[in-house]
Amino acid sequence: MTTTFTKAPADVAPAAAPRQRRRRRTGGPLAVLPLLVFVAIAFGLPALAMLDGAFTVKDQATGASSYTTANLTGSFQGAYLTALTGSVKLSAVSAGLATLLGLPLAQAVVTSRSRALREAVLTASGVLANFGGVPLAFAFVATLGNSGVLTRHLSLTEHGWDLYSFWGLVVVYLYFLIPLMVLTITPALDGLRSQWREAARNNGATTVQYWRHVALPVLAPSLLGGFVLLFGSAFAAYATAAAMVGSAVPLVTLQIADAISGNVLVGQENVALALSLDMVLIAGLVMAVYLPLQRRSARWLA
């Protein structure tokens, strides 16, 4: 009795593999298409409208519109330039202080042996980093305002404290920028390998020398990236400053609101759009600096 074995065609399995690869290749762009459509509608159309308005001047007498750079030129003059400079200064100072204060706090959390403490601090940082606007302004007014609880009990006014000033606004911004810095720098601190510290210690390096020559150079891209991220967050903040200081501190976001509402001059809506375009350009520069720093940091800490 002979048994006959039928050999399966050898090209069945190889033929199925290209079909699967082809499906994966064609399915990728289609899966991203809804996101691209949403981004185009939610961000693309407003951006085009802003560009059109920033370069458009309307004659109040005839109602005729024409394209010109007068709005952009005006946005870099007078009170508008002062407000833009004030926003950049406030954002840079707040981001710098938050970076310096957030790093040791994040390091204390990373080196802590208590897992519950780490989770509690990171959870609280996630909440506080998104806490702002009118509620934050009201909390600080009730606590550190002219009639605030701490202001009266500690007699802060007699020592020159003024919440409704540049440095008062810096203190308020630190409330949500420091937690944001903790969230940003913690993954980078987790990436510092214990072998580096042990090698430095075996070669006679102190803790200060280890941080100066090993840890800080490795963390430098992450620190600069965190600073840039904090700068952008502070630069775009509006509701807290509007509710707390009003026009006492010149900020570009407040100038945009005044120009749109016509509180200063009637028909300045397009100047507000030009100021918005200035903010977008600055934010674009911030992102252009942030993304390469993030890639370099990820390459070092991988």
C-alpha atoms as a PDB file:
ATOM      1  CA  MET A   1       0.000   0.000   0.000  1.00  0.00           C
ATOM      2  CA  THR A   2       1.459   3.307  -1.035  1.00  0.00           C
ATOM      3  CA  THR A   3       0.660   6.644   0.561  1.00  0.00           C
ATOM      4  CA  THR A   4       0.600   9.699  -1.620  1.00  0.00           C
ATOM      5  CA  PHE A   5       1.393  13.087  -0.094  1.00  0.00           C
ATOM      6  CA  THR A   6       0.186  16.181  -1.846  1.00  0.00           C
ATOM      7  CA  LYS A   7       2.535  19.134  -1.476  1.00  0.00           C
ATOM      8  CA  ALA A   8       0.887  22.464  -0.924  1.00  0.00           C
ATOM      9  CA  PRO A   9       1.768  25.189  -3.347  1.00  0.00           C
ATOM     10  CA  ALA A  10       4.788  27.078  -2.088  1.00  0.00           C
ATOM     11  CA  ASP A  11       3.521  30.443  -3.290  1.00  0.00           C
ATOM     12  CA  VAL A  12       0.386  30.556  -1.095  1.00  0.00           C
ATOM     13  CA  ALA A  13       2.002  31.932   2.049  1.00  0.00           C
ATOM     14  CA  PRO A  14       4.352  34.338   0.279  1.00  0.00           C
ATOM     15  CA  ALA A  15       1.451  35.688  -1.767  1.00  0.00           C
ATOM     16  CA  ALA A  16      -0.586  36.456   1.345  1.00  0.00           C
ATOM     17  CA  ALA A  17       2.203  38.452   2.988  1.00  0.00           C
ATOM     18  CA  PRO A  18       2.398  41.176   0.297  1.00  0.00           C
ATOM     19  CA  ARG A  19      -1.389  41.577   0.453  1.00  0.00           C
ATOM     20  CA  GLN A  20      -1.216  42.182   4.208  1.00  0.00           C
ATOM     21  CA  ARG A  21       1.613  44.660   3.798  1.00  0.00           C
ATOM     22  CA  ARG A  22      -0.348  46.409   1.053  1.00  0.00           C
ATOM     23  CA  ARG A  23      -3.377  46.697   3.307  1.00  0.00           C
ATOM     24  CA  ARG A  24      -1.286  48.172   6.094  1.00  0.00           C
ATOM     25  CA  ARG A  25       0.243  50.723   3.782  1.00  0.00           C
ATOM     26  CA  THR A  26      -3.085  51.841   2.328  1.00  0.00           C
ATOM     27  CA  GLY A  27      -4.878  51.797   5.696  1.00  0.00           C
ATOM     28  CA  GLY A  28      -2.428  54.167   7.426  1.00  0.00           C
ATOM     29  CA  PRO A  29      -3.276  57.416   5.597  1.00  0.00           C
ATOM     30  CA  LEU A  30      -6.995  56.652   5.684  1.00  0.00           C
ATOM     31  CA  ALA A  31      -6.877  56.242   9.457  1.00  0.00           C
ATOM     32  CA  VAL A  32      -5.235  59.660   9.858  1.00  0.00           C
ATOM     33  CA  LEU A  33      -7.598  61.377   7.394  1.00  0.00           C
ATOM     34  CA  PRO A  34     -10.301  62.317   9.973  1.00  0.00           C
ATOM     35  CA  LEU A  35      -7.651  63.928  12.189  1.00  0.00           C
ATOM     36  CA  LEU A  36      -6.234  65.896   9.246  1.00  0.00           C
ATOM     37  CA  VAL A  37      -9.717  67.093   8.274  1.00  0.00           C
ATOM     38  CA  PHE A  38     -10.420  68.178  11.851  1.00  0.00           C
ATOM     39  CA  VAL A  39      -7.109  70.045  12.094  1.00  0.00           C
ATOM     40  CA  ALA A  40      -7.732  71.747   8.748  1.00  0.00           C
ATOM     41  CA  ILE A  41     -11.188  72.943   9.859  1.00  0.00           C
ATOM     42  CA  ALA A  42     -10.406  73.821  13.480  1.00  0.00           C
ATOM     43  CA  PHE A  43      -6.991  75.416  12.917  1.00  0.00           C
ATOM     44  CA  GLY A  44      -6.541  75.990   9.205  1.00  0.00           C
ATOM     45  CA  LEU A  45      -9.630  78.122   8.577  1.00  0.00           C
ATOM     46  CA  PRO A  46      -9.073  80.416  11.603  1.00  0.00           C
ATOM     47  CA  ALA A  47      -5.417  80.795  10.596  1.00  0.00           C
ATOM     48  CA  LEU A  48      -6.391  81.819   7.067  1.00  0.00           C
ATOM     49  CA  ALA A  49      -8.966  84.270   8.418  1.00  0.00           C
ATOM     50  CA  MET A  50      -6.347  85.745  10.756  1.00  0.00           C
ATOM     51  CA  LEU A  51      -3.847  86.138   7.922  1.00  0.00           C
ATOM     52  CA  ASP A  52      -6.430  87.789   5.719  1.00  0.00           C
ATOM     53  CA  GLY A  53      -7.500  90.205   8.439  1.00  0.00           C
ATOM     54  CA  ALA A  54      -3.957  91.027   9.525  1.00  0.00           C
ATOM     55  CA  PHE A  55      -3.132  92.346   6.047  1.00  0.00           C
ATOM     56  CA  THR A  56      -6.492  94.044   5.405  1.00  0.00           C
ATOM     57  CA  VAL A  57      -7.322  97.690   6.109  1.00  0.00           C
ATOM     58  CA  LYS A  58     -10.891  98.930   5.886  1.00  0.00           C
ATOM     59  CA  ASP A  59     -11.702 102.523   5.067  1.00  0.00           C
ATOM     60  CA  GLN A  60     -14.209 103.742   7.684  1.00  0.00           C
ATOM     61  CA  ALA A  61     -15.701 106.330   5.317  1.00  0.00           C
ATOM     62  CA  THR A  62     -16.237 104.255   2.182  1.00  0.00           C
ATOM     63  CA  GLY A  63     -16.106 100.742   3.632  1.00  0.00           C
ATOM     64  CA  ALA A  64     -13.614  99.647   0.963  1.00  0.00           C
ATOM     65  CA  SER A  65     -10.953  97.110   1.943  1.00  0.00           C
ATOM     66  CA  SER A  66      -7.385  96.901   0.709  1.00  0.00           C
ATOM     67  CA  TYR A  67      -4.369  94.757   1.449  1.00  0.00           C
ATOM     68  CA  THR A  68      -1.440  96.431   3.190  1.00  0.00           C
ATOM     69  CA  THR A  69       1.139  95.878   5.917  1.00  0.00           C
ATOM     70  CA  ALA A  70      -0.068  98.843   7.978  1.00  0.00           C
ATOM     71  CA  ASN A  71      -1.579  96.600  10.658  1.00  0.00           C
ATOM     72  CA  LEU A  72       1.654  94.668  11.155  1.00  0.00           C
ATOM     73  CA  THR A  73       3.641  97.897  11.234  1.00  0.00           C
ATOM     74  CA  GLY A  74       1.269  99.334  13.821  1.00  0.00           C
ATOM     75  CA  SER A  75       1.511  96.203  15.975  1.00  0.00           C
ATOM     76  CA  PHE A  76       5.205  96.941  16.532  1.00  0.00           C
ATOM     77  CA  GLN A  77       4.698 100.554  17.605  1.00  0.00           C
ATOM     78  CA  GLY A  78       3.577 102.430  20.696  1.00  0.00           C
ATOM     79  CA  ALA A  79       1.468 100.649  23.284  1.00  0.00           C
ATOM     80  CA  TYR A  80       1.297  97.483  21.180  1.00  0.00           C
ATOM     81  CA  LEU A  81       5.074  97.096  21.180  1.00  0.00           C
ATOM     82  CA  THR A  82       5.158  97.780  24.932  1.00  0.00           C
ATOM     83  CA  ALA A  83       2.552  95.074  25.507  1.00  0.00           C
ATOM     84  CA  LEU A  84       4.412  92.571  23.302  1.00  0.00           C
ATOM     85  CA  THR A  85       7.678  93.294  25.117  1.00  0.00           C
ATOM     86  CA  GLY A  86       5.917  93.002  28.480  1.00  0.00           C
ATOM     87  CA  SER A  87       4.505  89.588  27.600  1.00  0.00           C
ATOM     88  CA  VAL A  88       7.905  88.317  26.461  1.00  0.00           C
ATOM     89  CA  LYS A  89       9.543  89.642  29.642  1.00  0.00           C
ATOM     90  CA  LEU A  90       6.872  88.185  31.926  1.00  0.00           C
ATOM     91  CA  SER A  91       6.998  84.810  30.175  1.00  0.00           C
ATOM     92  CA  ALA A  92      10.800  84.628  30.238  1.00  0.00           C
ATOM     93  CA  VAL A  93      11.086  85.549  33.930  1.00  0.00           C
ATOM     94  CA  SER A  94       8.278  83.212  34.987  1.00  0.00           C
ATOM     95  CA  ALA A  95       9.603  80.320  32.908  1.00  0.00           C
ATOM     96  CA  GLY A  96      13.156  80.825  34.181  1.00  0.00           C
ATOM     97  CA  LEU A  97      12.109  80.835  37.843  1.00  0.00           C
ATOM     98  CA  ALA A  98       9.794  77.860  37.332  1.00  0.00           C
ATOM     99  CA  THR A  99      12.644  75.919  35.702  1.00  0.00           C
ATOM    100  CA  LEU A 100      15.020  76.634  38.582  1.00  0.00           C
ATOM    101  CA  LEU A 101      12.422  75.777  41.242  1.00  0.00           C
ATOM    102  CA  GLY A 102      10.859  72.809  39.470  1.00  0.00           C
ATOM    103  CA  LEU A 103      14.118  70.901  38.907  1.00  0.00           C
ATOM    104  CA  PRO A 104      15.027  70.290  42.587  1.00  0.00           C
ATOM    105  CA  LEU A 105      11.392  69.518  43.399  1.00  0.00           C
ATOM    106  CA  ALA A 106      11.238  66.925  40.624  1.00  0.00           C
ATOM    107  CA  GLN A 107      14.590  65.477  41.737  1.00  0.00           C
ATOM    108  CA  ALA A 108      13.274  65.092  45.293  1.00  0.00           C
ATOM    109  CA  VAL A 109      10.246  63.244  43.947  1.00  0.00           C
ATOM    110  CA  VAL A 110      12.315  60.953  41.712  1.00  0.00           C
ATOM    111  CA  THR A 111      14.774  60.012  44.467  1.00  0.00           C
ATOM    112  CA  SER A 112      12.053  59.475  47.059  1.00  0.00           C
ATOM    113  CA  ARG A 113      11.543  55.879  48.181  1.00  0.00           C
ATOM    114  CA  SER A 114       7.844  56.468  48.796  1.00  0.00           C
ATOM    115  CA  ARG A 115       5.839  55.469  45.748  1.00  0.00           C
ATOM    116  CA  ALA A 116       2.714  57.024  47.264  1.00  0.00           C
ATOM    117  CA  LEU A 117       4.485  60.391  47.584  1.00  0.00           C
ATOM    118  CA  ARG A 118       5.652  60.252  43.974  1.00  0.00           C
ATOM    119  CA  GLU A 119       2.188  59.457  42.661  1.00  0.00           C
ATOM    120  CA  ALA A 120       0.597  62.109  44.864  1.00  0.00           C
ATOM    121  CA  VAL A 121       3.007  64.839  43.725  1.00  0.00           C
ATOM    122  CA  LEU A 122       2.687  63.942  40.039  1.00  0.00           C
ATOM    123  CA  THR A 123      -1.106  63.778  40.276  1.00  0.00           C
ATOM    124  CA  ALA A 124      -1.253  67.125  42.058  1.00  0.00           C
ATOM    125  CA  SER A 125       1.128  68.600  39.471  1.00  0.00           C
ATOM    126  CA  GLY A 126      -1.143  67.430  36.672  1.00  0.00           C
ATOM    127  CA  VAL A 127      -4.110  69.147  38.317  1.00  0.00           C
ATOM    128  CA  LEU A 128      -2.319  72.378  39.257  1.00  0.00           C
ATOM    129  CA  ALA A 129      -0.667  72.717  35.842  1.00  0.00           C
ATOM    130  CA  ASN A 130      -4.145  73.072  34.319  1.00  0.00           C
ATOM    131  CA  PHE A 131      -5.574  75.282  37.066  1.00  0.00           C
ATOM    132  CA  GLY A 132      -5.804  78.887  35.946  1.00  0.00           C
ATOM    133  CA  GLY A 133      -8.115  81.581  34.741  1.00  0.00           C
ATOM    134  CA  VAL A 134     -10.534  83.503  36.937  1.00  0.00           C
ATOM    135  CA  PRO A 135     -10.594  80.932  39.810  1.00  0.00           C
ATOM    136  CA  LEU A 136      -6.812  81.193  40.197  1.00  0.00           C
ATOM    137  CA  ALA A 137      -6.948  84.998  40.131  1.00  0.00           C
ATOM    138  CA  PHE A 138      -9.710  85.038  42.752  1.00  0.00           C
ATOM    139  CA  ALA A 139      -7.759  82.631  44.993  1.00  0.00           C
ATOM    140  CA  PHE A 140      -4.685  84.878  44.942  1.00  0.00           C
ATOM    141  CA  VAL A 141      -6.713  88.067  45.421  1.00  0.00           C
ATOM    142  CA  ALA A 142      -8.378  86.529  48.490  1.00  0.00           C
ATOM    143  CA  THR A 143      -5.012  85.328  49.822  1.00  0.00           C
ATOM    144  CA  LEU A 144      -2.387  87.893  48.780  1.00  0.00           C
ATOM    145  CA  GLY A 145      -4.465  90.861  47.583  1.00  0.00           C
ATOM    146  CA  ASN A 146      -4.585  94.229  49.308  1.00  0.00           C
ATOM    147  CA  SER A 147      -7.127  92.832  51.788  1.00  0.00           C
ATOM    148  CA  GLY A 148      -6.042  89.204  51.517  1.00  0.00           C
ATOM    149  CA  VAL A 149      -5.705  86.878  54.479  1.00  0.00           C
ATOM    150  CA  LEU A 150      -1.921  86.544  54.380  1.00  0.00           C
ATOM    151  CA  THR A 151      -1.447  90.185  53.428  1.00  0.00           C
ATOM    152  CA  ARG A 152      -3.218  91.359  56.597  1.00  0.00           C
ATOM    153  CA  HIS A 153      -1.743  88.761  58.943  1.00  0.00           C
ATOM    154  CA  LEU A 154       1.849  89.200  57.740  1.00  0.00           C
ATOM    155  CA  SER A 155       1.575  92.960  57.015  1.00  0.00           C
ATOM    156  CA  LEU A 156       2.940  92.409  53.515  1.00  0.00           C
ATOM    157  CA  THR A 157       1.755  95.789  52.249  1.00  0.00           C
ATOM    158  CA  GLU A 158       4.079  97.543  54.700  1.00  0.00           C
ATOM    159  CA  HIS A 159       6.991  95.615  53.196  1.00  0.00           C
ATOM    160  CA  GLY A 160       6.195  96.772  49.651  1.00  0.00           C
ATOM    161  CA  TRP A 161       4.172  93.777  48.456  1.00  0.00           C
ATOM    162  CA  ASP A 162       1.744  94.465  45.609  1.00  0.00           C
ATOM    163  CA  LEU A 163      -0.099  91.582  43.984  1.00  0.00           C
ATOM    164  CA  TYR A 164      -1.343  93.774  41.126  1.00  0.00           C
ATOM    165  CA  SER A 165       2.117  94.344  39.651  1.00  0.00           C
ATOM    166  CA  PHE A 166       4.625  92.589  37.423  1.00  0.00           C
ATOM    167  CA  TRP A 167       6.170  90.527  40.223  1.00  0.00           C
ATOM    168  CA  GLY A 168       2.768  89.743  41.681  1.00  0.00           C
ATOM    169  CA  LEU A 169       1.757  88.312  38.324  1.00  0.00           C
ATOM    170  CA  VAL A 170       5.014  86.318  38.229  1.00  0.00           C
ATOM    171  CA  VAL A 171       4.113  84.713  41.579  1.00  0.00           C
ATOM    172  CA  VAL A 172       0.669  83.786  40.251  1.00  0.00           C
ATOM    173  CA  TYR A 173       2.125  82.277  37.071  1.00  0.00           C
ATOM    174  CA  LEU A 174       4.569  80.194  39.109  1.00  0.00           C
ATOM    175  CA  TYR A 175       1.569  78.483  40.693  1.00  0.00           C
ATOM    176  CA  PHE A 176       0.882  76.548  37.495  1.00  0.00           C
ATOM    177  CA  LEU A 177       4.284  76.724  35.795  1.00  0.00           C
ATOM    178  CA  ILE A 178       6.226  74.906  38.534  1.00  0.00           C
ATOM    179  CA  PRO A 179       3.912  71.855  38.449  1.00  0.00           C
ATOM    180  CA  LEU A 180       4.168  71.866  34.656  1.00  0.00           C
ATOM    181  CA  MET A 181       7.963  71.852  34.957  1.00  0.00           C
ATOM    182  CA  VAL A 182       7.804  68.910  37.371  1.00  0.00           C
ATOM    183  CA  LEU A 183       5.758  66.931  34.862  1.00  0.00           C
ATOM    184  CA  THR A 184       8.114  67.881  32.030  1.00  0.00           C
ATOM    185  CA  ILE A 185      11.461  67.145  33.670  1.00  0.00           C
ATOM    186  CA  THR A 186      10.538  64.019  35.681  1.00  0.00           C
ATOM    187  CA  PRO A 187      10.887  61.591  32.718  1.00  0.00           C
ATOM    188  CA  ALA A 188      14.326  63.050  31.976  1.00  0.00           C
ATOM    189  CA  LEU A 189      15.414  62.602  35.608  1.00  0.00           C
ATOM    190  CA  ASP A 190      14.174  59.017  35.490  1.00  0.00           C
ATOM    191  CA  GLY A 191      16.446  58.501  32.479  1.00  0.00           C
ATOM    192  CA  LEU A 192      19.609  59.345  34.440  1.00  0.00           C
ATOM    193  CA  ARG A 193      21.308  55.995  34.939  1.00  0.00           C
ATOM    194  CA  SER A 194      22.573  54.973  38.341  1.00  0.00           C
ATOM    195  CA  GLN A 195      25.756  53.649  36.700  1.00  0.00           C
ATOM    196  CA  TRP A 196      26.755  57.216  35.832  1.00  0.00           C
ATOM    197  CA  ARG A 197      26.554  58.309  39.457  1.00  0.00           C
ATOM    198  CA  GLU A 198      28.434  55.197  40.616  1.00  0.00           C
ATOM    199  CA  ALA A 199      31.156  55.729  38.027  1.00  0.00           C
ATOM    200  CA  ALA A 200      31.547  59.364  39.086  1.00  0.00           C
ATOM    201  CA  ARG A 201      31.693  58.334  42.747  1.00  0.00           C
ATOM    202  CA  ASN A 202      34.305  55.641  42.037  1.00  0.00           C
ATOM    203  CA  ASN A 203      36.459  58.263  40.345  1.00  0.00           C
ATOM    204  CA  GLY A 204      36.318  60.497  43.419  1.00  0.00           C
ATOM    205  CA  ALA A 205      33.687  62.980  42.214  1.00  0.00           C
ATOM    206  CA  THR A 206      31.471  64.710  44.752  1.00  0.00           C
ATOM    207  CA  THR A 207      27.724  65.183  44.338  1.00  0.00           C
ATOM    208  CA  VAL A 208      28.245  68.741  43.117  1.00  0.00           C
ATOM    209  CA  GLN A 209      30.837  67.591  40.579  1.00  0.00           C
ATOM    210  CA  TYR A 210      28.532  64.813  39.371  1.00  0.00           C
ATOM    211  CA  TRP A 211      25.714  67.271  38.734  1.00  0.00           C
ATOM    212  CA  ARG A 212      28.014  69.827  37.152  1.00  0.00           C
ATOM    213  CA  HIS A 213      29.925  67.533  34.791  1.00  0.00           C
ATOM    214  CA  VAL A 214      27.511  64.639  34.167  1.00  0.00           C
ATOM    215  CA  ALA A 215      23.857  65.170  35.094  1.00  0.00           C
ATOM    216  CA  LEU A 216      23.324  68.800  34.040  1.00  0.00           C
ATOM    217  CA  PRO A 217      25.019  68.421  30.616  1.00  0.00           C
ATOM    218  CA  VAL A 218      22.796  65.402  29.921  1.00  0.00           C
ATOM    219  CA  LEU A 219      19.695  67.227  31.216  1.00  0.00           C
ATOM    220  CA  ALA A 220      20.503  70.474  29.404  1.00  0.00           C
ATOM    221  CA  PRO A 221      18.329  69.741  26.329  1.00  0.00           C
ATOM    222  CA  SER A 222      15.413  68.699  28.558  1.00  0.00           C
ATOM    223  CA  LEU A 223      15.830  71.775  30.757  1.00  0.00           C
ATOM    224  CA  LEU A 224      15.927  74.111  27.770  1.00  0.00           C
ATOM    225  CA  GLY A 225      12.968  72.313  26.232  1.00  0.00           C
ATOM    226  CA  GLY A 226      11.043  72.636  29.489  1.00  0.00           C
ATOM    227  CA  PHE A 227      11.892  76.335  29.672  1.00  0.00           C
ATOM    228  CA  VAL A 228      10.622  76.852  26.141  1.00  0.00           C
ATOM    229  CA  LEU A 229       7.414  74.958  26.935  1.00  0.00           C
ATOM    230  CA  LEU A 230       6.830  77.051  30.062  1.00  0.00           C
ATOM    231  CA  PHE A 231       7.538  80.218  28.111  1.00  0.00           C
ATOM    232  CA  GLY A 232       4.857  79.328  25.577  1.00  0.00           C
ATOM    233  CA  SER A 233       2.347  78.485  28.300  1.00  0.00           C
ATOM    234  CA  ALA A 234       2.916  81.786  30.104  1.00  0.00           C
ATOM    235  CA  PHE A 235       2.950  83.759  26.858  1.00  0.00           C
ATOM    236  CA  ALA A 236      -0.501  82.490  25.867  1.00  0.00           C
ATOM    237  CA  ALA A 237      -2.121  82.953  29.301  1.00  0.00           C
ATOM    238  CA  TYR A 238      -4.911  85.527  29.319  1.00  0.00           C
ATOM    239  CA  ALA A 239      -7.800  84.989  31.751  1.00  0.00           C
ATOM    240  CA  THR A 240      -5.728  85.104  34.944  1.00  0.00           C
ATOM    241  CA  ALA A 241      -4.015  88.383  34.065  1.00  0.00           C
ATOM    242  CA  ALA A 242      -7.238  89.933  32.739  1.00  0.00           C
ATOM    243  CA  ALA A 243      -9.144  89.139  35.929  1.00  0.00           C
ATOM    244  CA  MET A 244      -6.358  90.178  38.290  1.00  0.00           C
ATOM    245  CA  VAL A 245      -4.372  93.127  36.918  1.00  0.00           C
ATOM    246  CA  GLY A 246      -6.457  94.423  34.005  1.00  0.00           C
ATOM    247  CA  SER A 247      -4.428  97.069  32.210  1.00  0.00           C
ATOM    248  CA  ALA A 248      -2.000  97.661  35.109  1.00  0.00           C
ATOM    249  CA  VAL A 249       0.555  95.346  33.473  1.00  0.00           C
ATOM    250  CA  PRO A 250       0.879  95.732  29.681  1.00  0.00           C
ATOM    251  CA  LEU A 251       0.402  92.337  28.009  1.00  0.00           C
ATOM    252  CA  VAL A 252      -0.235  91.517  24.375  1.00  0.00           C
ATOM    253  CA  THR A 253      -3.206  89.262  25.158  1.00  0.00           C
ATOM    254  CA  LEU A 254      -4.917  92.116  26.997  1.00  0.00           C
ATOM    255  CA  GLN A 255      -4.162  94.496  24.119  1.00  0.00           C
ATOM    256  CA  ILE A 256      -5.776  92.063  21.690  1.00  0.00           C
ATOM    257  CA  ALA A 257      -8.907  91.914  23.843  1.00  0.00           C
ATOM    258  CA  ASP A 258      -9.064  95.723  24.079  1.00  0.00           C
ATOM    259  CA  ALA A 259      -8.595  96.146  20.332  1.00  0.00           C
ATOM    260  CA  ILE A 260     -11.300  93.603  19.476  1.00  0.00           C
ATOM    261  CA  SER A 261     -13.804  95.100  21.910  1.00  0.00           C
ATOM    262  CA  GLY A 262     -13.034  98.653  20.766  1.00  0.00           C
ATOM    263  CA  ASN A 263     -12.098  99.892  24.239  1.00  0.00           C
ATOM    264  CA  VAL A 264      -9.227 101.986  22.864  1.00  0.00           C
ATOM    265  CA  LEU A 265     -10.086 102.925  19.277  1.00  0.00           C
ATOM    266  CA  VAL A 266     -12.975 101.882  17.076  1.00  0.00           C
ATOM    267  CA  GLY A 267     -12.060  99.794  14.035  1.00  0.00           C
ATOM    268  CA  GLN A 268      -8.883  98.241  15.468  1.00  0.00           C
ATOM    269  CA  GLU A 269     -10.029  94.646  15.006  1.00  0.00           C
ATOM    270  CA  ASN A 270      -7.498  94.035  12.243  1.00  0.00           C
ATOM    271  CA  VAL A 271      -4.704  95.383  14.437  1.00  0.00           C
ATOM    272  CA  ALA A 272      -5.755  92.759  16.971  1.00  0.00           C
ATOM    273  CA  LEU A 273      -5.425  90.137  14.250  1.00  0.00           C
ATOM    274  CA  ALA A 274      -1.943  91.458  13.460  1.00  0.00           C
ATOM    275  CA  LEU A 275      -1.033  91.130  17.145  1.00  0.00           C
ATOM    276  CA  SER A 276      -2.386  87.581  17.066  1.00  0.00           C
ATOM    277  CA  LEU A 277      -0.167  86.877  14.067  1.00  0.00           C
ATOM    278  CA  ASP A 278       2.806  88.193  16.048  1.00  0.00           C
ATOM    279  CA  MET A 279       1.952  85.759  18.832  1.00  0.00           C
ATOM    280  CA  VAL A 280       1.667  82.884  16.361  1.00  0.00           C
ATOM    281  CA  LEU A 281       5.088  83.724  14.927  1.00  0.00           C
ATOM    282  CA  ILE A 282       6.635  83.796  18.399  1.00  0.00           C
ATOM    283  CA  ALA A 283       4.917  80.510  19.266  1.00  0.00           C
ATOM    284  CA  GLY A 284       6.262  79.037  16.024  1.00  0.00           C
ATOM    285  CA  LEU A 285       9.786  80.067  16.990  1.00  0.00           C
ATOM    286  CA  VAL A 286       9.248  78.510  20.410  1.00  0.00           C
ATOM    287  CA  MET A 287       8.171  75.207  18.859  1.00  0.00           C
ATOM    288  CA  ALA A 288      11.051  75.329  16.381  1.00  0.00           C
ATOM    289  CA  VAL A 289      13.427  75.444  19.350  1.00  0.00           C
ATOM    290  CA  TYR A 290      11.500  72.936  21.487  1.00  0.00           C
ATOM    291  CA  LEU A 291      11.210  70.021  19.046  1.00  0.00           C
ATOM    292  CA  PRO A 292      14.958  69.589  18.271  1.00  0.00           C
ATOM    293  CA  LEU A 293      15.743  69.821  21.981  1.00  0.00           C
ATOM    294  CA  GLN A 294      13.219  67.085  22.709  1.00  0.00           C
ATOM    295  CA  ARG A 295      14.745  64.817  20.046  1.00  0.00           C
ATOM    296  CA  ARG A 296      18.250  65.364  21.382  1.00  0.00           C
ATOM    297  CA  SER A 297      17.130  64.729  24.954  1.00  0.00           C
ATOM    298  CA  ALA A 298      15.352  61.511  23.946  1.00  0.00           C
ATOM    299  CA  ARG A 299      18.496  60.325  22.127  1.00  0.00           C
ATOM    300  CA  TRP A 300      20.641  60.885  25.231  1.00  0.00           C
ATOM    301  CA  LEU A 301      18.216  59.313  27.718  1.00  0.00           C
ATOM    302  CA  ALA A 302      17.047  56.386  25.583  1.00  0.00           C
END
